[in-house]
Amino acid sequence: MVENVTAFAENFLLAREISRLRQLEAKVARGILQEALEERNEEEATREENRNVWTKSESVRPGEGRRERIEATRP
């Protein structure tokens, strides 16, 4: 009887700890996803800014905009 109560208590504590760990795991996963989303948004904003600059340079100086676009994409 005492063994059953002890086993039940241990199982309860383990289940509670597993629940806490799963909550922590979900919180970390949300943080990673949020960080990735912010990074993607920043990259997209940068690409959009670059598109605007290239379009402007092409319209202001036809012929030179293409060269600038190629140079800007080189690593």
PDB file of N, CA and C in Angstrom:
ATOM      1  N   MET A   1       0.832  -1.199   0.000  1.00  0.00           N
ATOM      2  CA  MET A   1       0.000   0.000   0.000  1.00  0.00           C
ATOM      3  C   MET A   1       0.871   1.255   0.000  1.00  0.00           C
ATOM      4  N   VAL A   2       1.886   1.281   0.877  1.00  0.00           N
ATOM      5  CA  VAL A   2       2.785   2.418   0.950  1.00  0.00           C
ATOM      6  C   VAL A   2       3.559   2.559  -0.360  1.00  0.00           C
ATOM      7  N   GLU A   3       3.930   1.432  -0.951  1.00  0.00           N
ATOM      8  CA  GLU A   3       4.642   1.458  -2.221  1.00  0.00           C
ATOM      9  C   GLU A   3       3.776   2.081  -3.315  1.00  0.00           C
ATOM     10  N   ASN A   4       2.499   1.777  -3.301  1.00  0.00           N
ATOM     11  CA  ASN A   4       1.586   2.349  -4.293  1.00  0.00           C
ATOM     12  C   ASN A   4       1.492   3.867  -4.145  1.00  0.00           C
ATOM     13  N   VAL A   5       1.405   4.314  -2.900  1.00  0.00           N
ATOM     14  CA  VAL A   5       1.319   5.753  -2.648  1.00  0.00           C
ATOM     15  C   VAL A   5       2.620   6.428  -3.068  1.00  0.00           C
ATOM     16  N   THR A   6       3.732   5.816  -2.750  1.00  0.00           N
ATOM     17  CA  THR A   6       5.034   6.370  -3.131  1.00  0.00           C
ATOM     18  C   THR A   6       5.165   6.416  -4.650  1.00  0.00           C
ATOM     19  N   ALA A   7       4.793   5.353  -5.321  1.00  0.00           N
ATOM     20  CA  ALA A   7       4.864   5.311  -6.788  1.00  0.00           C
ATOM     21  C   ALA A   7       3.945   6.369  -7.395  1.00  0.00           C
ATOM     22  N   PHE A   8       2.759   6.517  -6.825  1.00  0.00           N
ATOM     23  CA  PHE A   8       1.833   7.527  -7.323  1.00  0.00           C
ATOM     24  C   PHE A   8       2.431   8.929  -7.166  1.00  0.00           C
ATOM     25  N   ALA A   9       3.019   9.196  -6.007  1.00  0.00           N
ATOM     26  CA  ALA A   9       3.623  10.510  -5.745  1.00  0.00           C
ATOM     27  C   ALA A   9       4.788  10.769  -6.714  1.00  0.00           C
ATOM     28  N   GLU A  10       5.615   9.759  -6.939  1.00  0.00           N
ATOM     29  CA  GLU A  10       6.731   9.914  -7.876  1.00  0.00           C
ATOM     30  C   GLU A  10       6.218  10.177  -9.289  1.00  0.00           C
ATOM     31  N   ASN A  11       5.216   9.428  -9.694  1.00  0.00           N
ATOM     32  CA  ASN A  11       4.637   9.629 -11.028  1.00  0.00           C
ATOM     33  C   ASN A  11       4.030  11.019 -11.163  1.00  0.00           C
ATOM     34  N   PHE A  12       3.381  11.476 -10.115  1.00  0.00           N
ATOM     35  CA  PHE A  12       2.787  12.804 -10.132  1.00  0.00           C
ATOM     36  C   PHE A  12       3.871  13.873 -10.293  1.00  0.00           C
ATOM     37  N   LEU A  13       4.949  13.755  -9.517  1.00  0.00           N
ATOM     38  CA  LEU A  13       6.041  14.728  -9.601  1.00  0.00           C
ATOM     39  C   LEU A  13       6.713  14.686 -10.977  1.00  0.00           C
ATOM     40  N   LEU A  14       6.898  13.504 -11.502  1.00  0.00           N
ATOM     41  CA  LEU A  14       7.482  13.381 -12.839  1.00  0.00           C
ATOM     42  C   LEU A  14       6.574  13.997 -13.900  1.00  0.00           C
ATOM     43  N   ALA A  15       5.291  13.742 -13.802  1.00  0.00           N
ATOM     44  CA  ALA A  15       4.347  14.312 -14.765  1.00  0.00           C
ATOM     45  C   ALA A  15       4.348  15.834 -14.685  1.00  0.00           C
ATOM     46  N   ARG A  16       4.424  16.362 -13.490  1.00  0.00           N
ATOM     47  CA  ARG A  16       4.460  17.820 -13.320  1.00  0.00           C
ATOM     48  C   ARG A  16       5.738  18.400 -13.919  1.00  0.00           C
ATOM     49  N   GLU A  17       6.865  17.730 -13.705  1.00  0.00           N
ATOM     50  CA  GLU A  17       8.132  18.195 -14.267  1.00  0.00           C
ATOM     51  C   GLU A  17       8.118  18.110 -15.792  1.00  0.00           C
ATOM     52  N   ILE A  18       7.561  17.044 -16.333  1.00  0.00           N
ATOM     53  CA  ILE A  18       7.440  16.911 -17.792  1.00  0.00           C
ATOM     54  C   ILE A  18       6.591  18.048 -18.351  1.00  0.00           C
ATOM     55  N   SER A  19       5.516  18.371 -17.669  1.00  0.00           N
ATOM     56  CA  SER A  19       4.655  19.472 -18.099  1.00  0.00           C
ATOM     57  C   SER A  19       5.420  20.786 -18.112  1.00  0.00           C
ATOM     58  N   ARG A  20       6.188  21.051 -17.065  1.00  0.00           N
ATOM     59  CA  ARG A  20       6.993  22.277 -17.016  1.00  0.00           C
ATOM     60  C   ARG A  20       8.010  22.321 -18.162  1.00  0.00           C
ATOM     61  N   LEU A  21       8.652  21.191 -18.413  1.00  0.00           N
ATOM     62  CA  LEU A  21       9.639  21.136 -19.491  1.00  0.00           C
ATOM     63  C   LEU A  21       8.986  21.360 -20.855  1.00  0.00           C
ATOM     64  N   ARG A  22       7.814  20.809 -21.061  1.00  0.00           N
ATOM     65  CA  ARG A  22       7.105  21.025 -22.328  1.00  0.00           C
ATOM     66  C   ARG A  22       6.712  22.491 -22.500  1.00  0.00           C
ATOM     67  N   GLN A  23       6.293  23.122 -21.408  1.00  0.00           N
ATOM     68  CA  GLN A  23       5.967  24.548 -21.480  1.00  0.00           C
ATOM     69  C   GLN A  23       7.200  25.374 -21.815  1.00  0.00           C
ATOM     70  N   LEU A  24       8.324  25.030 -21.199  1.00  0.00           N
ATOM     71  CA  LEU A  24       9.573  25.724 -21.477  1.00  0.00           C
ATOM     72  C   LEU A  24       9.997  25.508 -22.931  1.00  0.00           C
ATOM     73  N   GLU A  25       9.869  24.286 -23.399  1.00  0.00           N
ATOM     74  CA  GLU A  25      10.208  23.961 -24.783  1.00  0.00           C
ATOM     75  C   GLU A  25       9.352  24.776 -25.750  1.00  0.00           C
ATOM     76  N   ALA A  26       8.063  24.884 -25.471  1.00  0.00           N
ATOM     77  CA  ALA A  26       7.164  25.664 -26.329  1.00  0.00           C
ATOM     78  C   ALA A  26       7.551  27.147 -26.309  1.00  0.00           C
ATOM     79  N   LYS A  27       7.917  27.641 -25.141  1.00  0.00           N
ATOM     80  CA  LYS A  27       8.322  29.042 -25.014  1.00  0.00           C
ATOM     81  C   LYS A  27       9.590  29.313 -25.823  1.00  0.00           C
ATOM     82  N   VAL A  28      10.555  28.416 -25.737  1.00  0.00           N
ATOM     83  CA  VAL A  28      11.798  28.562 -26.501  1.00  0.00           C
ATOM     84  C   VAL A  28      11.500  28.492 -27.999  1.00  0.00           C
ATOM     85  N   ALA A  29      10.653  27.555 -28.400  1.00  0.00           N
ATOM     86  CA  ALA A  29      10.307  27.417 -29.813  1.00  0.00           C
ATOM     87  C   ALA A  29       9.630  28.683 -30.328  1.00  0.00           C
ATOM     88  N   ARG A  30       8.733  29.263 -29.552  1.00  0.00           N
ATOM     89  CA  ARG A  30       8.082  30.522 -29.950  1.00  0.00           C
ATOM     90  C   ARG A  30       9.107  31.629 -30.105  1.00  0.00           C
ATOM     91  N   GLY A  31      10.069  31.680 -29.190  1.00  0.00           N
ATOM     92  CA  GLY A  31      11.123  32.697 -29.268  1.00  0.00           C
ATOM     93  C   GLY A  31      11.969  32.532 -30.519  1.00  0.00           C
ATOM     94  N   ILE A  32      12.315  31.304 -30.845  1.00  0.00           N
ATOM     95  CA  ILE A  32      13.114  31.042 -32.045  1.00  0.00           C
ATOM     96  C   ILE A  32      12.325  31.422 -33.288  1.00  0.00           C
ATOM     97  N   LEU A  33      11.057  31.054 -33.330  1.00  0.00           N
ATOM     98  CA  LEU A  33      10.227  31.398 -34.486  1.00  0.00           C
ATOM     99  C   LEU A  33      10.060  32.908 -34.616  1.00  0.00           C
ATOM    100  N   GLN A  34       9.863  33.587 -33.501  1.00  0.00           N
ATOM    101  CA  GLN A  34       9.713  35.048 -33.522  1.00  0.00           C
ATOM    102  C   GLN A  34      10.986  35.707 -34.037  1.00  0.00           C
ATOM    103  N   GLU A  35      12.126  35.213 -33.578  1.00  0.00           N
ATOM    104  CA  GLU A  35      13.409  35.753 -34.016  1.00  0.00           C
ATOM    105  C   GLU A  35      13.607  35.537 -35.520  1.00  0.00           C
ATOM    106  N   ALA A  36      13.262  34.353 -35.994  1.00  0.00           N
ATOM    107  CA  ALA A  36      13.391  34.059 -37.428  1.00  0.00           C
ATOM    108  C   ALA A  36      12.460  34.943 -38.247  1.00  0.00           C
ATOM    109  N   LEU A  37      11.253  35.170 -37.756  1.00  0.00           N
ATOM    110  CA  LEU A  37      10.296  36.023 -38.457  1.00  0.00           C
ATOM    111  C   LEU A  37      10.809  37.457 -38.529  1.00  0.00           C
ATOM    112  N   GLU A  38      11.348  37.958 -37.434  1.00  0.00           N
ATOM    113  CA  GLU A  38      11.894  39.323 -37.425  1.00  0.00           C
ATOM    114  C   GLU A  38      13.069  39.440 -38.397  1.00  0.00           C
ATOM    115  N   GLU A  39      13.921  38.419 -38.415  1.00  0.00           N
ATOM    116  CA  GLU A  39      15.074  38.437 -39.327  1.00  0.00           C
ATOM    117  C   GLU A  39      14.596  38.426 -40.783  1.00  0.00           C
ATOM    118  N   ARG A  40      13.600  37.596 -41.071  1.00  0.00           N
ATOM    119  CA  ARG A  40      13.056  37.538 -42.433  1.00  0.00           C
ATOM    120  C   ARG A  40      12.442  38.872 -42.836  1.00  0.00           C
ATOM    121  N   ASN A  41      11.736  39.497 -41.916  1.00  0.00           N
ATOM    122  CA  ASN A  41      11.127  40.800 -42.211  1.00  0.00           C
ATOM    123  C   ASN A  41      12.199  41.859 -42.475  1.00  0.00           C
ATOM    124  N   GLU A  42      13.279  41.828 -41.700  1.00  0.00           N
ATOM    125  CA  GLU A  42      14.375  42.776 -41.913  1.00  0.00           C
ATOM    126  C   GLU A  42      15.033  42.550 -43.274  1.00  0.00           C
ATOM    127  N   GLU A  43      15.238  41.281 -43.629  1.00  0.00           N
ATOM    128  CA  GLU A  43      15.841  40.968 -44.931  1.00  0.00           C
ATOM    129  C   GLU A  43      14.933  41.434 -46.066  1.00  0.00           C
ATOM    130  N   GLU A  44      13.644  41.206 -45.925  1.00  0.00           N
ATOM    131  CA  GLU A  44      12.698  41.635 -46.960  1.00  0.00           C
ATOM    132  C   GLU A  44      12.679  43.154 -47.073  1.00  0.00           C
ATOM    133  N   ALA A  45      12.740  43.847 -45.957  1.00  0.00           N
ATOM    134  CA  ALA A  45      12.770  45.312 -45.986  1.00  0.00           C
ATOM    135  C   ALA A  45      14.037  45.805 -46.680  1.00  0.00           C
ATOM    136  N   THR A  46      15.151  45.147 -46.415  1.00  0.00           N
ATOM    137  CA  THR A  46      16.408  45.522 -47.063  1.00  0.00           C
ATOM    138  C   THR A  46      16.318  45.285 -48.565  1.00  0.00           C
ATOM    139  N   ARG A  47      15.767  44.141 -48.967  1.00  0.00           N
ATOM    140  CA  ARG A  47      15.611  43.861 -50.403  1.00  0.00           C
ATOM    141  C   ARG A  47      14.722  44.901 -51.061  1.00  0.00           C
ATOM    142  N   GLU A  48      13.648  45.272 -50.379  1.00  0.00           N
ATOM    143  CA  GLU A  48      12.732  46.276 -50.927  1.00  0.00           C
ATOM    144  C   GLU A  48      13.435  47.623 -51.064  1.00  0.00           C
ATOM    145  N   GLU A  49      14.218  48.002 -50.062  1.00  0.00           N
ATOM    146  CA  GLU A  49      14.975  49.259 -50.144  1.00  0.00           C
ATOM    147  C   GLU A  49      15.952  49.214 -51.313  1.00  0.00           C
ATOM    148  N   ASN A  50      16.627  48.082 -51.487  1.00  0.00           N
ATOM    149  CA  ASN A  50      17.574  47.941 -52.592  1.00  0.00           C
ATOM    150  C   ASN A  50      16.851  48.017 -53.938  1.00  0.00           C
ATOM    151  N   ARG A  51      15.683  47.404 -54.047  1.00  0.00           N
ATOM    152  CA  ARG A  51      14.903  47.489 -55.287  1.00  0.00           C
ATOM    153  C   ARG A  51      14.555  48.941 -55.590  1.00  0.00           C
ATOM    154  N   ASN A  52      14.165  49.675 -54.566  1.00  0.00           N
ATOM    155  CA  ASN A  52      13.819  51.079 -54.766  1.00  0.00           C
ATOM    156  C   ASN A  52      15.022  51.889 -55.224  1.00  0.00           C
ATOM    157  N   VAL A  53      16.190  51.626 -54.657  1.00  0.00           N
ATOM    158  CA  VAL A  53      17.403  52.337 -55.038  1.00  0.00           C
ATOM    159  C   VAL A  53      17.761  52.004 -56.477  1.00  0.00           C
ATOM    160  N   TRP A  54      17.703  50.721 -56.851  1.00  0.00           N
ATOM    161  CA  TRP A  54      18.059  50.319 -58.203  1.00  0.00           C
ATOM    162  C   TRP A  54      17.089  50.927 -59.212  1.00  0.00           C
ATOM    163  N   THR A  55      15.821  50.906 -58.894  1.00  0.00           N
ATOM    164  CA  THR A  55      14.836  51.478 -59.795  1.00  0.00           C
ATOM    165  C   THR A  55      15.102  52.967 -59.980  1.00  0.00           C
ATOM    166  N   LYS A  56      15.392  53.654 -58.882  1.00  0.00           N
ATOM    167  CA  LYS A  56      15.675  55.080 -58.954  1.00  0.00           C
ATOM    168  C   LYS A  56      16.937  55.335 -59.765  1.00  0.00           C
ATOM    169  N   SER A  57      17.995  54.546 -59.537  1.00  0.00           N
ATOM    170  CA  SER A  57      19.242  54.769 -60.269  1.00  0.00           C
ATOM    171  C   SER A  57      19.040  54.481 -61.751  1.00  0.00           C
ATOM    172  N   GLU A  58      18.213  53.509 -62.074  1.00  0.00           N
ATOM    173  CA  GLU A  58      17.953  53.215 -63.484  1.00  0.00           C
ATOM    174  C   GLU A  58      17.170  54.339 -64.141  1.00  0.00           C
ATOM    175  N   SER A  59      16.223  54.898 -63.416  1.00  0.00           N
ATOM    176  CA  SER A  59      15.417  55.956 -64.016  1.00  0.00           C
ATOM    177  C   SER A  59      16.199  57.268 -64.107  1.00  0.00           C
ATOM    178  N   VAL A  60      17.133  57.505 -63.184  1.00  0.00           N
ATOM    179  CA  VAL A  60      17.921  58.735 -63.205  1.00  0.00           C
ATOM    180  C   VAL A  60      19.045  58.621 -64.221  1.00  0.00           C
ATOM    181  N   ARG A  61      19.727  57.475 -64.235  1.00  0.00           N
ATOM    182  CA  ARG A  61      20.861  57.282 -65.143  1.00  0.00           C
ATOM    183  C   ARG A  61      20.693  55.972 -65.902  1.00  0.00           C
ATOM    184  N   PRO A  62      19.961  55.993 -66.973  1.00  0.00           N
ATOM    185  CA  PRO A  62      19.776  54.737 -67.726  1.00  0.00           C
ATOM    186  C   PRO A  62      21.133  54.191 -68.171  1.00  0.00           C
ATOM    187  N   GLY A  63      21.281  52.893 -68.078  1.00  0.00           N
ATOM    188  CA  GLY A  63      22.531  52.269 -68.489  1.00  0.00           C
ATOM    189  C   GLY A  63      23.468  52.028 -67.323  1.00  0.00           C
ATOM    190  N   GLU A  64      23.488  52.896 -66.342  1.00  0.00           N
ATOM    191  CA  GLU A  64      24.364  52.705 -65.192  1.00  0.00           C
ATOM    192  C   GLU A  64      23.667  51.902 -64.091  1.00  0.00           C
ATOM    193  N   GLY A  65      22.363  51.905 -64.100  1.00  0.00           N
ATOM    194  CA  GLY A  65      21.621  51.173 -63.078  1.00  0.00           C
ATOM    195  C   GLY A  65      21.890  49.683 -63.123  1.00  0.00           C
ATOM    196  N   ARG A  66      21.989  49.121 -64.314  1.00  0.00           N
ATOM    197  CA  ARG A  66      22.247  47.690 -64.451  1.00  0.00           C
ATOM    198  C   ARG A  66      23.603  47.329 -63.854  1.00  0.00           C
ATOM    199  N   ARG A  67      24.636  48.103 -64.108  1.00  0.00           N
ATOM    200  CA  ARG A  67      25.960  47.828 -63.568  1.00  0.00           C
ATOM    201  C   ARG A  67      25.909  47.896 -62.038  1.00  0.00           C
ATOM    202  N   GLU A  68      25.211  48.860 -61.500  1.00  0.00           N
ATOM    203  CA  GLU A  68      25.091  48.986 -60.050  1.00  0.00           C
ATOM    204  C   GLU A  68      24.380  47.777 -59.462  1.00  0.00           C
ATOM    205  N   ARG A  69      23.373  47.289 -60.143  1.00  0.00           N
ATOM    206  CA  ARG A  69      22.623  46.141 -59.645  1.00  0.00           C
ATOM    207  C   ARG A  69      23.541  44.921 -59.576  1.00  0.00           C
ATOM    208  N   ILE A  70      24.327  44.674 -60.595  1.00  0.00           N
ATOM    209  CA  ILE A  70      25.220  43.518 -60.609  1.00  0.00           C
ATOM    210  C   ILE A  70      26.272  43.658 -59.512  1.00  0.00           C
ATOM    211  N   GLU A  71      26.861  44.824 -59.360  1.00  0.00           N
ATOM    212  CA  GLU A  71      27.875  45.032 -58.328  1.00  0.00           C
ATOM    213  C   GLU A  71      27.275  44.884 -56.932  1.00  0.00           C
ATOM    214  N   ALA A  72      26.054  45.325 -56.755  1.00  0.00           N
ATOM    215  CA  ALA A  72      25.422  45.267 -55.435  1.00  0.00           C
ATOM    216  C   ALA A  72      25.123  43.828 -55.034  1.00  0.00           C
ATOM    217  N   THR A  73      24.970  42.923 -55.990  1.00  0.00           N
ATOM    218  CA  THR A  73      24.628  41.545 -55.637  1.00  0.00           C
ATOM    219  C   THR A  73      25.853  40.664 -55.470  1.00  0.00           C
ATOM    220  N   ARG A  74      27.033  41.178 -55.774  1.00  0.00           N
ATOM    221  CA  ARG A  74      28.246  40.378 -55.574  1.00  0.00           C
ATOM    222  C   ARG A  74      28.545  40.252 -54.082  1.00  0.00           C
ATOM    223  N   PRO A  75      29.031  39.075 -53.665  1.00  0.00           N
ATOM    224  CA  PRO A  75      29.351  38.887 -52.236  1.00  0.00           C
ATOM    225  C   PRO A  75      30.538  39.712 -51.791  1.00  0.00           C
TER     226      PRO A  75
END
